Amino acid sequence: MTTPDDIGVLTAKLLLSEEDINNQIFYTAGDALSYGQLADLIDSVLGRTVSRTEWTVPLLVADLKTTPDDVITRYRVVFAEAKGVAWDKNQTFNAQNDIAVTTVE
């Protein structure tokens, strides 16, 4: 999870850095966690238990068949099938330059 503010700050820092940015890809990243981990974190921060409902991949795929043009439903399927985009946070521009970003907590 990366906030729009963090993306703006990191983009500005990259553009103002002394790095050669021509024709290169720079990765940035905030926290990466599962929905279960997010629910556990919410429990911890709020000091109470939030309700959980598991959406299995077959259920999400079935939902997508009924609403194939729904972008959010497609997004859920892609990430549930672990086909989403992610990279090692330690290899990001922010980590390598010790730039703090907003954490989920």
N, C-alpha and C. Protein backbone atom coordinates (compact mmCIF):
# COMPACT_ATOMS: atom_id res chain seq x y z
N MET A 1 0.84 -1.16 0.00
CA MET A 1 0.00 0.00 0.00
C MET A 1 0.89 1.23 0.00
N THR A 2 0.71 2.05 -0.98
CA THR A 2 1.49 3.28 -1.08
C THR A 2 0.52 4.44 -1.24
N THR A 3 0.65 5.45 -0.43
CA THR A 3 -0.27 6.58 -0.49
C THR A 3 0.05 7.49 -1.68
N PRO A 4 -0.95 8.20 -2.19
CA PRO A 4 -0.67 9.17 -3.26
C PRO A 4 0.35 10.23 -2.82
N ASP A 5 0.28 10.64 -1.54
CA ASP A 5 1.27 11.62 -1.04
C ASP A 5 2.68 11.05 -1.11
N ASP A 6 2.84 9.78 -0.72
CA ASP A 6 4.17 9.15 -0.78
C ASP A 6 4.66 9.07 -2.22
N ILE A 7 3.78 8.73 -3.13
CA ILE A 7 4.17 8.65 -4.55
C ILE A 7 4.65 10.02 -5.03
N GLY A 8 3.94 11.08 -4.64
CA GLY A 8 4.35 12.43 -5.02
C GLY A 8 5.70 12.81 -4.44
N VAL A 9 5.90 12.54 -3.16
CA VAL A 9 7.17 12.85 -2.50
C VAL A 9 8.31 12.07 -3.14
N LEU A 10 8.10 10.78 -3.35
CA LEU A 10 9.17 9.95 -3.93
C LEU A 10 9.49 10.37 -5.36
N THR A 11 8.47 10.73 -6.12
CA THR A 11 8.70 11.19 -7.49
C THR A 11 9.52 12.48 -7.48
N ALA A 12 9.15 13.42 -6.61
CA ALA A 12 9.90 14.67 -6.52
C ALA A 12 11.34 14.42 -6.09
N LYS A 13 11.54 13.57 -5.08
CA LYS A 13 12.90 13.28 -4.61
C LYS A 13 13.73 12.61 -5.72
N LEU A 14 13.08 11.74 -6.48
CA LEU A 14 13.79 11.09 -7.58
C LEU A 14 14.19 12.10 -8.64
N LEU A 15 13.25 12.96 -9.02
CA LEU A 15 13.54 13.96 -10.04
C LEU A 15 14.60 14.95 -9.60
N LEU A 16 14.65 15.22 -8.31
CA LEU A 16 15.64 16.17 -7.79
C LEU A 16 16.95 15.50 -7.35
N SER A 17 17.00 14.19 -7.45
CA SER A 17 18.21 13.47 -7.03
C SER A 17 19.29 13.59 -8.10
N GLU A 18 20.45 13.11 -7.74
CA GLU A 18 21.56 13.13 -8.69
C GLU A 18 21.64 11.84 -9.49
N GLU A 19 20.63 10.99 -9.34
CA GLU A 19 20.60 9.71 -10.06
C GLU A 19 20.38 9.96 -11.56
N ASP A 20 20.96 9.11 -12.37
CA ASP A 20 20.70 9.15 -13.81
C ASP A 20 19.35 8.48 -14.03
N ILE A 21 18.33 9.26 -14.32
CA ILE A 21 16.97 8.71 -14.42
C ILE A 21 16.53 8.45 -15.86
N ASN A 22 17.37 8.77 -16.83
CA ASN A 22 17.00 8.56 -18.22
C ASN A 22 16.84 7.08 -18.54
N ASN A 23 15.69 6.75 -19.11
CA ASN A 23 15.39 5.39 -19.58
C ASN A 23 15.57 4.32 -18.51
N GLN A 24 15.26 4.65 -17.27
CA GLN A 24 15.36 3.68 -16.19
C GLN A 24 14.02 3.56 -15.50
N ILE A 25 13.82 2.42 -14.87
CA ILE A 25 12.64 2.20 -14.06
C ILE A 25 13.07 2.25 -12.60
N PHE A 26 12.35 3.00 -11.81
CA PHE A 26 12.60 3.08 -10.38
C PHE A 26 11.36 2.57 -9.67
N TYR A 27 11.57 1.64 -8.77
CA TYR A 27 10.46 1.06 -8.02
C TYR A 27 10.33 1.75 -6.66
N THR A 28 9.09 1.92 -6.24
CA THR A 28 8.79 2.43 -4.90
C THR A 28 7.81 1.46 -4.27
N ALA A 29 7.73 1.47 -2.97
CA ALA A 29 6.79 0.57 -2.31
C ALA A 29 6.51 1.01 -0.90
N GLY A 30 5.28 0.80 -0.51
CA GLY A 30 4.88 0.93 0.88
C GLY A 30 4.75 -0.48 1.44
N ASP A 31 3.87 -0.64 2.40
CA ASP A 31 3.66 -1.96 3.01
C ASP A 31 2.93 -2.90 2.04
N ALA A 32 3.32 -4.15 2.05
CA ALA A 32 2.62 -5.19 1.29
C ALA A 32 2.12 -6.22 2.29
N LEU A 33 0.82 -6.43 2.33
CA LEU A 33 0.26 -7.38 3.27
C LEU A 33 -1.05 -7.95 2.73
N SER A 34 -1.42 -9.08 3.27
CA SER A 34 -2.66 -9.73 2.87
C SER A 34 -3.84 -9.07 3.57
N TYR A 35 -5.04 -9.36 3.09
CA TYR A 35 -6.23 -8.83 3.76
C TYR A 35 -6.33 -9.37 5.19
N GLY A 36 -5.91 -10.63 5.40
CA GLY A 36 -5.90 -11.20 6.74
C GLY A 36 -4.94 -10.46 7.65
N GLN A 37 -3.75 -10.13 7.14
CA GLN A 37 -2.78 -9.37 7.92
C GLN A 37 -3.33 -7.97 8.22
N LEU A 38 -4.02 -7.38 7.25
CA LEU A 38 -4.62 -6.07 7.46
C LEU A 38 -5.68 -6.13 8.57
N ALA A 39 -6.52 -7.16 8.54
CA ALA A 39 -7.53 -7.33 9.58
C ALA A 39 -6.88 -7.51 10.95
N ASP A 40 -5.81 -8.31 11.01
CA ASP A 40 -5.09 -8.49 12.28
C ASP A 40 -4.52 -7.17 12.79
N LEU A 41 -3.99 -6.36 11.89
CA LEU A 41 -3.43 -5.06 12.27
C LEU A 41 -4.53 -4.13 12.78
N ILE A 42 -5.67 -4.13 12.11
CA ILE A 42 -6.79 -3.32 12.58
C ILE A 42 -7.22 -3.76 13.97
N ASP A 43 -7.30 -5.09 14.18
CA ASP A 43 -7.62 -5.60 15.53
C ASP A 43 -6.65 -5.04 16.56
N SER A 44 -5.37 -5.10 16.24
CA SER A 44 -4.33 -4.68 17.18
C SER A 44 -4.41 -3.18 17.47
N VAL A 45 -4.58 -2.38 16.44
CA VAL A 45 -4.60 -0.93 16.61
C VAL A 45 -5.87 -0.48 17.33
N LEU A 46 -7.00 -1.09 16.97
CA LEU A 46 -8.27 -0.67 17.58
C LEU A 46 -8.57 -1.37 18.89
N GLY A 47 -7.85 -2.45 19.18
CA GLY A 47 -8.07 -3.19 20.41
C GLY A 47 -9.38 -3.96 20.41
N ARG A 48 -9.84 -4.34 19.24
CA ARG A 48 -11.06 -5.15 19.13
C ARG A 48 -10.96 -6.01 17.88
N THR A 49 -11.85 -6.95 17.74
CA THR A 49 -11.80 -7.86 16.60
C THR A 49 -12.81 -7.42 15.54
N VAL A 50 -12.32 -7.21 14.33
CA VAL A 50 -13.22 -6.91 13.21
C VAL A 50 -13.71 -8.22 12.62
N SER A 51 -14.89 -8.21 12.05
CA SER A 51 -15.42 -9.44 11.45
C SER A 51 -14.68 -9.72 10.14
N ARG A 52 -14.58 -10.98 9.82
CA ARG A 52 -13.88 -11.42 8.62
C ARG A 52 -14.78 -12.34 7.81
N THR A 53 -14.76 -12.14 6.50
CA THR A 53 -15.45 -13.03 5.57
C THR A 53 -14.45 -13.40 4.49
N GLU A 54 -14.17 -14.67 4.35
CA GLU A 54 -13.20 -15.10 3.34
C GLU A 54 -13.86 -15.17 1.97
N TRP A 55 -13.23 -14.52 1.01
CA TRP A 55 -13.66 -14.60 -0.37
C TRP A 55 -12.65 -15.49 -1.09
N THR A 56 -13.05 -16.67 -1.41
CA THR A 56 -12.16 -17.62 -2.08
C THR A 56 -11.98 -17.22 -3.54
N VAL A 57 -10.93 -17.73 -4.15
CA VAL A 57 -10.70 -17.45 -5.56
C VAL A 57 -11.89 -17.93 -6.40
N PRO A 58 -12.41 -19.16 -6.19
CA PRO A 58 -13.58 -19.57 -6.99
C PRO A 58 -14.78 -18.63 -6.83
N LEU A 59 -15.02 -18.13 -5.64
CA LEU A 59 -16.12 -17.19 -5.43
C LEU A 59 -15.88 -15.90 -6.20
N LEU A 60 -14.66 -15.38 -6.14
CA LEU A 60 -14.34 -14.14 -6.85
C LEU A 60 -14.43 -14.32 -8.36
N VAL A 61 -13.98 -15.47 -8.85
CA VAL A 61 -14.07 -15.76 -10.29
C VAL A 61 -15.54 -15.83 -10.71
N ALA A 62 -16.37 -16.46 -9.89
CA ALA A 62 -17.81 -16.54 -10.18
C ALA A 62 -18.42 -15.14 -10.21
N ASP A 63 -18.03 -14.29 -9.26
CA ASP A 63 -18.51 -12.90 -9.26
C ASP A 63 -18.10 -12.19 -10.54
N LEU A 64 -16.86 -12.42 -10.98
CA LEU A 64 -16.37 -11.77 -12.19
C LEU A 64 -17.16 -12.21 -13.41
N LYS A 65 -17.58 -13.47 -13.45
CA LYS A 65 -18.38 -13.96 -14.59
C LYS A 65 -19.73 -13.24 -14.67
N THR A 66 -20.26 -12.84 -13.52
CA THR A 66 -21.55 -12.15 -13.53
C THR A 66 -21.41 -10.66 -13.80
N THR A 67 -20.23 -10.10 -13.50
CA THR A 67 -19.99 -8.67 -13.74
C THR A 67 -18.61 -8.48 -14.38
N PRO A 68 -18.44 -8.95 -15.62
CA PRO A 68 -17.11 -8.94 -16.25
C PRO A 68 -16.51 -7.55 -16.48
N ASP A 69 -17.33 -6.52 -16.50
CA ASP A 69 -16.80 -5.17 -16.73
C ASP A 69 -16.49 -4.40 -15.44
N ASP A 70 -16.71 -5.04 -14.30
CA ASP A 70 -16.48 -4.39 -13.01
C ASP A 70 -14.98 -4.42 -12.70
N VAL A 71 -14.37 -3.25 -12.72
CA VAL A 71 -12.92 -3.14 -12.53
C VAL A 71 -12.50 -3.63 -11.14
N ILE A 72 -13.25 -3.31 -10.12
CA ILE A 72 -12.91 -3.72 -8.76
C ILE A 72 -12.96 -5.24 -8.64
N THR A 73 -13.95 -5.87 -9.25
CA THR A 73 -14.04 -7.33 -9.22
C THR A 73 -12.85 -7.96 -9.93
N ARG A 74 -12.44 -7.39 -11.06
CA ARG A 74 -11.25 -7.89 -11.77
C ARG A 74 -10.00 -7.73 -10.90
N TYR A 75 -9.87 -6.60 -10.25
CA TYR A 75 -8.74 -6.33 -9.37
C TYR A 75 -8.67 -7.38 -8.26
N ARG A 76 -9.81 -7.68 -7.66
CA ARG A 76 -9.84 -8.68 -6.59
C ARG A 76 -9.36 -10.03 -7.08
N VAL A 77 -9.81 -10.44 -8.26
CA VAL A 77 -9.42 -11.74 -8.81
C VAL A 77 -7.91 -11.77 -9.08
N VAL A 78 -7.40 -10.74 -9.69
CA VAL A 78 -5.97 -10.69 -10.03
C VAL A 78 -5.11 -10.82 -8.79
N PHE A 79 -5.45 -10.09 -7.74
CA PHE A 79 -4.63 -10.16 -6.53
C PHE A 79 -4.88 -11.43 -5.74
N ALA A 80 -6.10 -11.95 -5.76
CA ALA A 80 -6.38 -13.22 -5.06
C ALA A 80 -5.62 -14.37 -5.71
N GLU A 81 -5.43 -14.29 -7.02
CA GLU A 81 -4.68 -15.33 -7.72
C GLU A 81 -3.18 -15.08 -7.67
N ALA A 82 -2.77 -14.09 -6.92
CA ALA A 82 -1.35 -13.73 -6.76
C ALA A 82 -0.72 -13.34 -8.10
N LYS A 83 -1.50 -12.68 -8.94
CA LYS A 83 -0.98 -12.20 -10.21
C LYS A 83 -0.77 -10.68 -10.18
N GLY A 84 -0.94 -10.10 -9.02
CA GLY A 84 -0.76 -8.66 -8.88
C GLY A 84 0.71 -8.28 -9.00
N VAL A 85 0.95 -7.01 -8.97
CA VAL A 85 2.30 -6.50 -9.13
C VAL A 85 2.90 -6.23 -7.75
N ALA A 86 4.08 -6.78 -7.51
CA ALA A 86 4.79 -6.53 -6.26
C ALA A 86 6.28 -6.75 -6.50
N TRP A 87 7.08 -6.10 -5.71
CA TRP A 87 8.53 -6.28 -5.78
C TRP A 87 9.11 -6.14 -4.39
N ASP A 88 10.33 -6.58 -4.25
CA ASP A 88 11.02 -6.55 -2.96
C ASP A 88 11.18 -5.12 -2.50
N LYS A 89 10.61 -4.80 -1.36
CA LYS A 89 10.65 -3.43 -0.84
C LYS A 89 12.09 -2.97 -0.60
N ASN A 90 12.98 -3.90 -0.25
CA ASN A 90 14.38 -3.54 -0.01
C ASN A 90 15.09 -3.06 -1.28
N GLN A 91 14.52 -3.37 -2.44
CA GLN A 91 15.15 -2.98 -3.71
C GLN A 91 14.55 -1.70 -4.28
N THR A 92 13.70 -1.03 -3.51
CA THR A 92 13.04 0.18 -4.01
C THR A 92 13.87 1.43 -3.81
N PHE A 93 13.54 2.45 -4.57
CA PHE A 93 14.21 3.74 -4.47
C PHE A 93 14.11 4.27 -3.05
N ASN A 94 12.93 4.17 -2.44
CA ASN A 94 12.77 4.71 -1.08
C ASN A 94 13.60 3.94 -0.06
N ALA A 95 13.65 2.63 -0.16
CA ALA A 95 14.43 1.85 0.80
C ALA A 95 15.93 2.09 0.61
N GLN A 96 16.37 2.10 -0.63
CA GLN A 96 17.79 2.28 -0.90
C GLN A 96 18.29 3.68 -0.54
N ASN A 97 17.36 4.63 -0.47
CA ASN A 97 17.73 6.00 -0.11
C ASN A 97 17.23 6.40 1.27
N ASP A 98 16.80 5.39 2.03
CA ASP A 98 16.34 5.58 3.41
C ASP A 98 15.28 6.68 3.52
N ILE A 99 14.29 6.62 2.62
CA ILE A 99 13.19 7.59 2.63
C ILE A 99 11.97 6.88 3.24
N ALA A 100 11.53 7.40 4.36
CA ALA A 100 10.39 6.80 5.06
C ALA A 100 9.10 7.06 4.28
N VAL A 101 8.25 6.06 4.24
CA VAL A 101 6.92 6.21 3.66
C VAL A 101 5.88 5.84 4.71
N THR A 102 4.66 6.18 4.44
CA THR A 102 3.56 5.92 5.36
C THR A 102 3.37 4.41 5.52
N THR A 103 3.25 3.95 6.75
CA THR A 103 2.98 2.53 6.98
C THR A 103 1.47 2.34 7.12
N VAL A 104 1.02 1.13 6.96
CA VAL A 104 -0.40 0.84 7.12
C VAL A 104 -0.83 1.16 8.54
N GLU A 105 -0.01 0.77 9.50
CA GLU A 105 -0.36 1.02 10.90
C GLU A 105 -0.48 2.50 11.18
